[in-house]
């Protein structure tokens, strides 16, 4: 999952709107997205453990 985030960040930096934004703004957005993905994965894992037990 983190590989996907890194690949999308790189692609966005080279080709997309992120190329027009300053690097700190792009890095902050990438951090927020990564944190959201980690929180989502943790929530899903906890929900799966609760269903099976």
PDB file of N, CA and C in Angstrom:
ATOM      1  N   UNK A   1       0.830  -1.184   0.000  1.00  0.00           N
ATOM      2  CA  UNK A   1       0.000   0.000   0.000  1.00  0.00           C
ATOM      3  C   UNK A   1       0.881   1.257   0.000  1.00  0.00           C
ATOM      4  N   UNK A   2       1.923   1.239   0.810  1.00  0.00           N
ATOM      5  CA  UNK A   2       2.800   2.417   0.841  1.00  0.00           C
ATOM      6  C   UNK A   2       3.550   2.579  -0.476  1.00  0.00           C
ATOM      7  N   UNK A   3       3.846   1.449  -1.133  1.00  0.00           N
ATOM      8  CA  UNK A   3       4.473   1.526  -2.446  1.00  0.00           C
ATOM      9  C   UNK A   3       3.551   2.236  -3.430  1.00  0.00           C
ATOM     10  N   UNK A   4       2.275   1.944  -3.345  1.00  0.00           N
ATOM     11  CA  UNK A   4       1.288   2.593  -4.213  1.00  0.00           C
ATOM     12  C   UNK A   4       1.240   4.092  -3.956  1.00  0.00           C
ATOM     13  N   UNK A   5       1.263   4.490  -2.696  1.00  0.00           N
ATOM     14  CA  UNK A   5       1.264   5.919  -2.357  1.00  0.00           C
ATOM     15  C   UNK A   5       2.507   6.587  -2.916  1.00  0.00           C
ATOM     16  N   UNK A   6       3.665   5.949  -2.758  1.00  0.00           N
ATOM     17  CA  UNK A   6       4.911   6.531  -3.264  1.00  0.00           C
ATOM     18  C   UNK A   6       4.885   6.637  -4.787  1.00  0.00           C
ATOM     19  N   UNK A   7       4.368   5.609  -5.453  1.00  0.00           N
ATOM     20  CA  UNK A   7       4.304   5.634  -6.914  1.00  0.00           C
ATOM     21  C   UNK A   7       3.364   6.728  -7.402  1.00  0.00           C
ATOM     22  N   UNK A   8       2.214   6.881  -6.753  1.00  0.00           N
ATOM     23  CA  UNK A   8       1.274   7.933  -7.142  1.00  0.00           C
ATOM     24  C   UNK A   8       1.843   9.323  -6.869  1.00  0.00           C
ATOM     25  N   UNK A   9       2.569   9.466  -5.769  1.00  0.00           N
ATOM     26  CA  UNK A   9       3.201  10.751  -5.460  1.00  0.00           C
ATOM     27  C   UNK A   9       4.244  11.101  -6.513  1.00  0.00           C
ATOM     28  N   UNK A  10       5.041  10.121  -6.893  1.00  0.00           N
ATOM     29  CA  UNK A  10       6.056  10.359  -7.914  1.00  0.00           C
ATOM     30  C   UNK A  10       5.412  10.717  -9.251  1.00  0.00           C
ATOM     31  N   UNK A  11       4.400   9.972  -9.639  1.00  0.00           N
ATOM     32  CA  UNK A  11       3.704  10.251 -10.893  1.00  0.00           C
ATOM     33  C   UNK A  11       3.041  11.621 -10.850  1.00  0.00           C
ATOM     34  N   UNK A  12       2.415  11.938  -9.741  1.00  0.00           N
ATOM     35  CA  UNK A  12       1.781  13.249  -9.610  1.00  0.00           C
ATOM     36  C   UNK A  12       2.777  14.384  -9.638  1.00  0.00           C
ATOM     37  N   UNK A  13       3.940  14.166  -9.039  1.00  0.00           N
ATOM     38  CA  UNK A  13       4.965  15.202  -9.027  1.00  0.00           C
ATOM     39  C   UNK A  13       5.516  15.450 -10.429  1.00  0.00           C
ATOM     40  N   UNK A  14       5.666  14.381 -11.192  1.00  0.00           N
ATOM     41  CA  UNK A  14       6.254  14.525 -12.515  1.00  0.00           C
ATOM     42  C   UNK A  14       5.251  15.020 -13.553  1.00  0.00           C
ATOM     43  N   UNK A  15       4.002  14.597 -13.455  1.00  0.00           N
ATOM     44  CA  UNK A  15       3.053  14.865 -14.529  1.00  0.00           C
ATOM     45  C   UNK A  15       1.828  15.684 -14.134  1.00  0.00           C
ATOM     46  N   UNK A  16       1.425  15.625 -12.901  1.00  0.00           N
ATOM     47  CA  UNK A  16       0.126  16.164 -12.529  1.00  0.00           C
ATOM     48  C   UNK A  16       0.167  17.531 -11.884  1.00  0.00           C
ATOM     49  N   UNK A  17      -0.906  17.796 -11.181  1.00  0.00           N
ATOM     50  CA  UNK A  17      -1.073  19.077 -10.502  1.00  0.00           C
ATOM     51  C   UNK A  17      -0.005  19.294  -9.446  1.00  0.00           C
ATOM     52  N   UNK A  18       0.496  18.205  -8.878  1.00  0.00           N
ATOM     53  CA  UNK A  18       1.531  18.337  -7.852  1.00  0.00           C
ATOM     54  C   UNK A  18       2.799  18.974  -8.411  1.00  0.00           C
ATOM     55  N   UNK A  19       2.972  18.927  -9.720  1.00  0.00           N
ATOM     56  CA  UNK A  19       4.140  19.566 -10.320  1.00  0.00           C
ATOM     57  C   UNK A  19       4.052  21.087 -10.201  1.00  0.00           C
ATOM     58  N   UNK A  20       2.836  21.604 -10.083  1.00  0.00           N
ATOM     59  CA  UNK A  20       2.652  23.049  -9.974  1.00  0.00           C
ATOM     60  C   UNK A  20       2.657  23.533  -8.531  1.00  0.00           C
ATOM     61  N   UNK A  21       2.464  22.625  -7.587  1.00  0.00           N
ATOM     62  CA  UNK A  21       2.435  22.991  -6.173  1.00  0.00           C
ATOM     63  C   UNK A  21       3.851  22.943  -5.609  1.00  0.00           C
ATOM     64  N   UNK A  22       4.116  23.759  -4.594  1.00  0.00           N
ATOM     65  CA  UNK A  22       5.433  23.701  -3.951  1.00  0.00           C
ATOM     66  C   UNK A  22       5.661  22.326  -3.301  1.00  0.00           C
ATOM     67  N   UNK A  23       6.918  21.952  -3.180  1.00  0.00           N
ATOM     68  CA  UNK A  23       7.272  20.647  -2.615  1.00  0.00           C
ATOM     69  C   UNK A  23       6.729  20.467  -1.199  1.00  0.00           C
ATOM     70  N   UNK A  24       6.816  21.458  -0.291  1.00  0.00           N
ATOM     71  CA  UNK A  24       6.256  21.245   1.055  1.00  0.00           C
ATOM     72  C   UNK A  24       4.744  20.977   1.050  1.00  0.00           C
ATOM     73  N   UNK A  25       4.021  21.609   0.151  1.00  0.00           N
ATOM     74  CA  UNK A  25       2.575  21.376   0.059  1.00  0.00           C
ATOM     75  C   UNK A  25       2.315  19.952  -0.423  1.00  0.00           C
ATOM     76  N   UNK A  26       3.059  19.511  -1.407  1.00  0.00           N
ATOM     77  CA  UNK A  26       2.908  18.150  -1.919  1.00  0.00           C
ATOM     78  C   UNK A  26       3.274  17.131  -0.842  1.00  0.00           C
ATOM     79  N   UNK A  27       4.345  17.375  -0.111  1.00  0.00           N
ATOM     80  CA  UNK A  27       4.763  16.463   0.956  1.00  0.00           C
ATOM     81  C   UNK A  27       3.720  16.413   2.073  1.00  0.00           C
ATOM     82  N   UNK A  28       3.141  17.553   2.414  1.00  0.00           N
ATOM     83  CA  UNK A  28       2.106  17.582   3.448  1.00  0.00           C
ATOM     84  C   UNK A  28       0.874  16.806   2.991  1.00  0.00           C
ATOM     85  N   UNK A  29       0.480  16.978   1.753  1.00  0.00           N
ATOM     86  CA  UNK A  29      -0.674  16.245   1.226  1.00  0.00           C
ATOM     87  C   UNK A  29      -0.396  14.745   1.205  1.00  0.00           C
ATOM     88  N   UNK A  30       0.802  14.358   0.824  1.00  0.00           N
ATOM     89  CA  UNK A  30       1.167  12.942   0.799  1.00  0.00           C
ATOM     90  C   UNK A  30       1.148  12.355   2.209  1.00  0.00           C
ATOM     91  N   UNK A  31       1.583  13.125   3.187  1.00  0.00           N
ATOM     92  CA  UNK A  31       1.569  12.662   4.571  1.00  0.00           C
ATOM     93  C   UNK A  31       0.142  12.461   5.065  1.00  0.00           C
ATOM     94  N   UNK A  32      -0.734  13.388   4.738  1.00  0.00           N
ATOM     95  CA  UNK A  32      -2.138  13.271   5.140  1.00  0.00           C
ATOM     96  C   UNK A  32      -2.775  12.043   4.495  1.00  0.00           C
ATOM     97  N   UNK A  33      -2.523  11.836   3.216  1.00  0.00           N
ATOM     98  CA  UNK A  33      -3.091  10.682   2.516  1.00  0.00           C
ATOM     99  C   UNK A  33      -2.553   9.378   3.102  1.00  0.00           C
ATOM    100  N   UNK A  34      -1.250   9.320   3.372  1.00  0.00           N
ATOM    101  CA  UNK A  34      -0.657   8.112   3.950  1.00  0.00           C
ATOM    102  C   UNK A  34      -1.241   7.828   5.333  1.00  0.00           C
ATOM    103  N   UNK A  35      -1.430   8.862   6.148  1.00  0.00           N
ATOM    104  CA  UNK A  35      -2.013   8.677   7.477  1.00  0.00           C
ATOM    105  C   UNK A  35      -3.443   8.165   7.370  1.00  0.00           C
ATOM    106  N   UNK A  36      -4.190   8.686   6.423  1.00  0.00           N
ATOM    107  CA  UNK A  36      -5.563   8.231   6.227  1.00  0.00           C
ATOM    108  C   UNK A  36      -5.586   6.765   5.810  1.00  0.00           C
ATOM    109  N   UNK A  37      -4.686   6.364   4.923  1.00  0.00           N
ATOM    110  CA  UNK A  37      -4.627   4.970   4.493  1.00  0.00           C
ATOM    111  C   UNK A  37      -4.248   4.034   5.636  1.00  0.00           C
ATOM    112  N   UNK A  38      -3.319   4.459   6.482  1.00  0.00           N
ATOM    113  CA  UNK A  38      -2.921   3.634   7.634  1.00  0.00           C
ATOM    114  C   UNK A  38      -4.081   3.507   8.608  1.00  0.00           C
ATOM    115  N   UNK A  39      -4.792   4.610   8.868  1.00  0.00           N
ATOM    116  CA  UNK A  39      -5.942   4.558   9.775  1.00  0.00           C
ATOM    117  C   UNK A  39      -7.038   3.661   9.211  1.00  0.00           C
ATOM    118  N   UNK A  40      -7.285   3.747   7.930  1.00  0.00           N
ATOM    119  CA  UNK A  40      -8.297   2.911   7.288  1.00  0.00           C
ATOM    120  C   UNK A  40      -7.916   1.436   7.377  1.00  0.00           C
ATOM    121  N   UNK A  41      -6.658   1.118   7.105  1.00  0.00           N
ATOM    122  CA  UNK A  41      -6.207  -0.265   7.171  1.00  0.00           C
ATOM    123  C   UNK A  41      -6.319  -0.810   8.593  1.00  0.00           C
ATOM    124  N   UNK A  42      -5.958  -0.012   9.582  1.00  0.00           N
ATOM    125  CA  UNK A  42      -6.061  -0.449  10.976  1.00  0.00           C
ATOM    126  C   UNK A  42      -7.515  -0.680  11.364  1.00  0.00           C
ATOM    127  N   UNK A  43      -8.403   0.209  10.944  1.00  0.00           N
ATOM    128  CA  UNK A  43      -9.824   0.055  11.251  1.00  0.00           C
ATOM    129  C   UNK A  43     -10.392  -1.212  10.611  1.00  0.00           C
ATOM    130  N   UNK A  44     -10.023  -1.457   9.369  1.00  0.00           N
ATOM    131  CA  UNK A  44     -10.503  -2.659   8.683  1.00  0.00           C
ATOM    132  C   UNK A  44      -9.954  -3.929   9.329  1.00  0.00           C
ATOM    133  N   UNK A  45      -8.701  -3.894   9.737  1.00  0.00           N
ATOM    134  CA  UNK A  45      -8.114  -5.068  10.383  1.00  0.00           C
ATOM    135  C   UNK A  45      -8.798  -5.350  11.714  1.00  0.00           C
ATOM    136  N   UNK A  46      -9.082  -4.313  12.485  1.00  0.00           N
ATOM    137  CA  UNK A  46      -9.785  -4.504  13.757  1.00  0.00           C
ATOM    138  C   UNK A  46     -11.191  -5.036  13.513  1.00  0.00           C
ATOM    139  N   UNK A  47     -11.878  -4.539  12.514  1.00  0.00           N
ATOM    140  CA  UNK A  47     -13.231  -5.006  12.214  1.00  0.00           C
ATOM    141  C   UNK A  47     -13.203  -6.467  11.784  1.00  0.00           C
ATOM    142  N   UNK A  48     -12.214  -6.858  11.032  1.00  0.00           N
ATOM    143  CA  UNK A  48     -12.104  -8.252  10.590  1.00  0.00           C
ATOM    144  C   UNK A  48     -11.844  -9.179  11.775  1.00  0.00           C
ATOM    145  N   UNK A  49     -10.995  -8.732  12.715  1.00  0.00           N
ATOM    146  CA  UNK A  49     -10.711  -9.553  13.899  1.00  0.00           C
ATOM    147  C   UNK A  49     -11.971  -9.718  14.757  1.00  0.00           C
ATOM    148  N   UNK A  50     -12.769  -8.687  14.858  1.00  0.00           N
ATOM    149  CA  UNK A  50     -13.981  -8.760  15.663  1.00  0.00           C
ATOM    150  C   UNK A  50     -15.006  -9.701  15.047  1.00  0.00           C
ATOM    151  N   UNK A  51     -15.090  -9.750  13.728  1.00  0.00           N
ATOM    152  CA  UNK A  51     -16.060 -10.628  13.052  1.00  0.00           C
ATOM    153  C   UNK A  51     -15.675 -12.089  13.175  1.00  0.00           C
ATOM    154  N   UNK A  52     -14.387 -12.394  13.149  1.00  0.00           N
ATOM    155  CA  UNK A  52     -13.955 -13.789  13.172  1.00  0.00           C
ATOM    156  C   UNK A  52     -13.922 -14.367  14.583  1.00  0.00           C
ATOM    157  N   UNK A  53     -13.847 -13.536  15.583  1.00  0.00           N
ATOM    158  CA  UNK A  53     -13.759 -14.071  16.959  1.00  0.00           C
ATOM    159  C   UNK A  53     -15.081 -14.030  17.684  1.00  0.00           C
TER     160      UNK A  53
END
